[in-house]
Amino acid sequence: MPTGYHYTGKTFEEFSVIMKKNAEKSYTKFISKIDLKGVDVEAVYSLDKDEDPIELIKETAARYNVDG
């Protein structure tokens, strides 16, 4: 979440919904340009409440047993 989200007049929850919708739209545009024949891809969206994106990525990868 951007640190200044509260200046929009939205609650944390309201703004997180807006951010997720924007992320979904960006993902759809991005993924549509990639040839995924034979590849199963699942989009996972998460909210970093601790401002530690690297740790969140590691935890999410472990939770979904992602092999990098």
N, C-alpha and C. Protein backbone atom coordinates (compact mmCIF):
# COMPACT_ATOMS: atom_id res chain seq x y z
N MET A 1 0.84 -1.18 0.00
CA MET A 1 0.00 0.00 0.00
C MET A 1 0.89 1.24 0.00
N PRO A 2 0.53 2.21 -0.79
CA PRO A 2 1.26 3.47 -0.72
C PRO A 2 1.06 4.11 0.64
N THR A 3 2.09 4.74 1.16
CA THR A 3 2.00 5.31 2.50
C THR A 3 0.98 6.43 2.59
N GLY A 4 0.70 7.13 1.53
CA GLY A 4 -0.23 8.25 1.57
C GLY A 4 -1.65 7.91 1.16
N TYR A 5 -2.01 6.62 1.17
CA TYR A 5 -3.34 6.22 0.71
C TYR A 5 -4.44 6.92 1.50
N HIS A 6 -4.20 7.22 2.77
CA HIS A 6 -5.25 7.82 3.61
C HIS A 6 -5.63 9.22 3.14
N TYR A 7 -4.77 9.88 2.36
CA TYR A 7 -5.11 11.20 1.83
C TYR A 7 -6.24 11.13 0.80
N THR A 8 -6.52 9.94 0.31
CA THR A 8 -7.60 9.77 -0.67
C THR A 8 -8.98 9.79 0.01
N GLY A 9 -8.98 9.67 1.34
CA GLY A 9 -10.25 9.60 2.07
C GLY A 9 -10.78 8.17 2.17
N LYS A 10 -10.01 7.23 1.65
CA LYS A 10 -10.42 5.82 1.68
C LYS A 10 -9.79 5.13 2.88
N THR A 11 -10.49 4.10 3.36
CA THR A 11 -9.92 3.27 4.42
C THR A 11 -8.86 2.36 3.81
N PHE A 12 -8.08 1.72 4.67
CA PHE A 12 -7.07 0.76 4.23
C PHE A 12 -7.73 -0.32 3.38
N GLU A 13 -8.84 -0.84 3.84
CA GLU A 13 -9.54 -1.91 3.14
C GLU A 13 -10.07 -1.44 1.79
N GLU A 14 -10.67 -0.23 1.74
CA GLU A 14 -11.19 0.29 0.48
C GLU A 14 -10.07 0.49 -0.53
N PHE A 15 -8.97 1.05 -0.07
CA PHE A 15 -7.87 1.32 -0.99
C PHE A 15 -7.20 0.02 -1.44
N SER A 16 -7.15 -0.98 -0.56
CA SER A 16 -6.56 -2.25 -0.96
C SER A 16 -7.38 -2.92 -2.07
N VAL A 17 -8.70 -2.75 -2.05
CA VAL A 17 -9.55 -3.29 -3.11
C VAL A 17 -9.22 -2.60 -4.43
N ILE A 18 -9.04 -1.29 -4.39
CA ILE A 18 -8.69 -0.53 -5.59
C ILE A 18 -7.34 -1.00 -6.13
N MET A 19 -6.38 -1.16 -5.22
CA MET A 19 -5.04 -1.61 -5.63
C MET A 19 -5.10 -3.00 -6.26
N LYS A 20 -5.91 -3.89 -5.70
CA LYS A 20 -6.02 -5.25 -6.26
C LYS A 20 -6.64 -5.21 -7.65
N LYS A 21 -7.67 -4.39 -7.83
CA LYS A 21 -8.29 -4.27 -9.16
C LYS A 21 -7.27 -3.76 -10.18
N ASN A 22 -6.46 -2.78 -9.79
CA ASN A 22 -5.43 -2.26 -10.69
C ASN A 22 -4.39 -3.33 -10.99
N ALA A 23 -4.02 -4.11 -9.99
CA ALA A 23 -3.04 -5.19 -10.20
C ALA A 23 -3.60 -6.24 -11.15
N GLU A 24 -4.86 -6.59 -10.98
CA GLU A 24 -5.49 -7.59 -11.87
C GLU A 24 -5.52 -7.09 -13.30
N LYS A 25 -5.84 -5.83 -13.48
CA LYS A 25 -5.89 -5.24 -14.82
C LYS A 25 -4.50 -5.23 -15.46
N SER A 26 -3.49 -4.84 -14.68
CA SER A 26 -2.12 -4.82 -15.19
C SER A 26 -1.63 -6.23 -15.53
N TYR A 27 -1.96 -7.19 -14.67
CA TYR A 27 -1.57 -8.58 -14.91
C TYR A 27 -2.20 -9.10 -16.20
N THR A 28 -3.48 -8.86 -16.38
CA THR A 28 -4.18 -9.33 -17.57
C THR A 28 -3.53 -8.77 -18.83
N LYS A 29 -3.20 -7.50 -18.81
CA LYS A 29 -2.55 -6.87 -19.97
C LYS A 29 -1.17 -7.48 -20.20
N PHE A 30 -0.40 -7.67 -19.13
CA PHE A 30 0.94 -8.25 -19.23
C PHE A 30 0.91 -9.69 -19.74
N ILE A 31 0.08 -10.52 -19.12
CA ILE A 31 0.08 -11.95 -19.43
C ILE A 31 -0.48 -12.24 -20.82
N SER A 32 -1.30 -11.34 -21.33
CA SER A 32 -1.88 -11.55 -22.67
C SER A 32 -0.82 -11.48 -23.77
N LYS A 33 0.33 -10.94 -23.46
CA LYS A 33 1.41 -10.79 -24.45
C LYS A 33 2.39 -11.96 -24.43
N ILE A 34 2.13 -12.95 -23.56
CA ILE A 34 3.06 -14.06 -23.40
C ILE A 34 2.44 -15.35 -23.93
N ASP A 35 3.22 -16.13 -24.65
CA ASP A 35 2.77 -17.43 -25.16
C ASP A 35 2.83 -18.45 -24.02
N LEU A 36 1.69 -18.88 -23.54
CA LEU A 36 1.61 -19.79 -22.40
C LEU A 36 1.15 -21.19 -22.79
N LYS A 37 1.31 -21.54 -24.04
CA LYS A 37 0.88 -22.87 -24.48
C LYS A 37 1.60 -23.94 -23.67
N GLY A 38 0.83 -24.81 -23.04
CA GLY A 38 1.39 -25.90 -22.26
C GLY A 38 1.88 -25.51 -20.88
N VAL A 39 1.65 -24.27 -20.49
CA VAL A 39 2.10 -23.80 -19.18
C VAL A 39 0.89 -23.38 -18.36
N ASP A 40 0.81 -23.89 -17.16
CA ASP A 40 -0.30 -23.55 -16.26
C ASP A 40 0.15 -22.41 -15.34
N VAL A 41 -0.51 -21.27 -15.43
CA VAL A 41 -0.15 -20.10 -14.63
C VAL A 41 -1.34 -19.70 -13.78
N GLU A 42 -1.09 -19.48 -12.50
CA GLU A 42 -2.13 -19.01 -11.59
C GLU A 42 -1.67 -17.69 -10.98
N ALA A 43 -2.45 -16.65 -11.14
CA ALA A 43 -2.13 -15.36 -10.54
C ALA A 43 -2.46 -15.40 -9.06
N VAL A 44 -1.53 -14.90 -8.26
CA VAL A 44 -1.73 -14.83 -6.82
C VAL A 44 -1.51 -13.38 -6.41
N TYR A 45 -2.49 -12.81 -5.75
CA TYR A 45 -2.40 -11.42 -5.29
C TYR A 45 -2.33 -11.43 -3.77
N SER A 46 -1.42 -10.64 -3.23
CA SER A 46 -1.30 -10.58 -1.78
C SER A 46 -1.06 -9.13 -1.36
N LEU A 47 -1.42 -8.86 -0.15
CA LEU A 47 -1.29 -7.51 0.40
C LEU A 47 -0.17 -7.51 1.43
N ASP A 48 0.84 -6.70 1.18
CA ASP A 48 1.99 -6.62 2.08
C ASP A 48 1.69 -5.59 3.16
N LYS A 49 1.31 -6.06 4.33
CA LYS A 49 0.97 -5.17 5.43
C LYS A 49 2.19 -4.78 6.25
N ASP A 50 3.30 -5.47 6.06
CA ASP A 50 4.50 -5.22 6.85
C ASP A 50 5.57 -4.44 6.10
N GLU A 51 5.27 -4.00 4.89
CA GLU A 51 6.20 -3.24 4.05
C GLU A 51 7.52 -3.98 3.84
N ASP A 52 7.42 -5.29 3.65
CA ASP A 52 8.59 -6.11 3.39
C ASP A 52 8.28 -7.02 2.20
N PRO A 53 8.32 -6.47 0.98
CA PRO A 53 7.90 -7.25 -0.20
C PRO A 53 8.74 -8.49 -0.44
N ILE A 54 10.02 -8.46 -0.13
CA ILE A 54 10.86 -9.63 -0.38
C ILE A 54 10.42 -10.79 0.50
N GLU A 55 10.18 -10.51 1.77
CA GLU A 55 9.73 -11.57 2.68
C GLU A 55 8.36 -12.09 2.25
N LEU A 56 7.48 -11.21 1.81
CA LEU A 56 6.15 -11.63 1.35
C LEU A 56 6.27 -12.54 0.13
N ILE A 57 7.15 -12.20 -0.80
CA ILE A 57 7.35 -13.03 -1.99
C ILE A 57 7.87 -14.41 -1.59
N LYS A 58 8.84 -14.44 -0.69
CA LYS A 58 9.38 -15.72 -0.23
C LYS A 58 8.31 -16.57 0.46
N GLU A 59 7.53 -15.95 1.33
CA GLU A 59 6.48 -16.68 2.04
C GLU A 59 5.42 -17.20 1.08
N THR A 60 5.04 -16.37 0.12
CA THR A 60 4.02 -16.77 -0.86
C THR A 60 4.53 -17.90 -1.74
N ALA A 61 5.77 -17.80 -2.18
CA ALA A 61 6.37 -18.87 -2.99
C ALA A 61 6.41 -20.18 -2.23
N ALA A 62 6.77 -20.11 -0.96
CA ALA A 62 6.82 -21.33 -0.13
C ALA A 62 5.42 -21.89 0.07
N ARG A 63 4.44 -21.03 0.30
CA ARG A 63 3.06 -21.48 0.53
C ARG A 63 2.52 -22.21 -0.70
N TYR A 64 2.87 -21.74 -1.89
CA TYR A 64 2.38 -22.35 -3.12
C TYR A 64 3.36 -23.35 -3.71
N ASN A 65 4.43 -23.66 -2.97
CA ASN A 65 5.43 -24.61 -3.40
C ASN A 65 5.95 -24.29 -4.81
N VAL A 66 6.31 -23.04 -5.00
CA VAL A 66 6.80 -22.56 -6.30
C VAL A 66 8.23 -23.00 -6.47
N ASP A 67 8.52 -23.53 -7.63
CA ASP A 67 9.88 -23.97 -7.95
C ASP A 67 10.47 -22.97 -8.93
N GLY A 68 11.46 -22.24 -8.48
CA GLY A 68 12.06 -21.18 -9.30
C GLY A 68 13.28 -21.63 -9.94
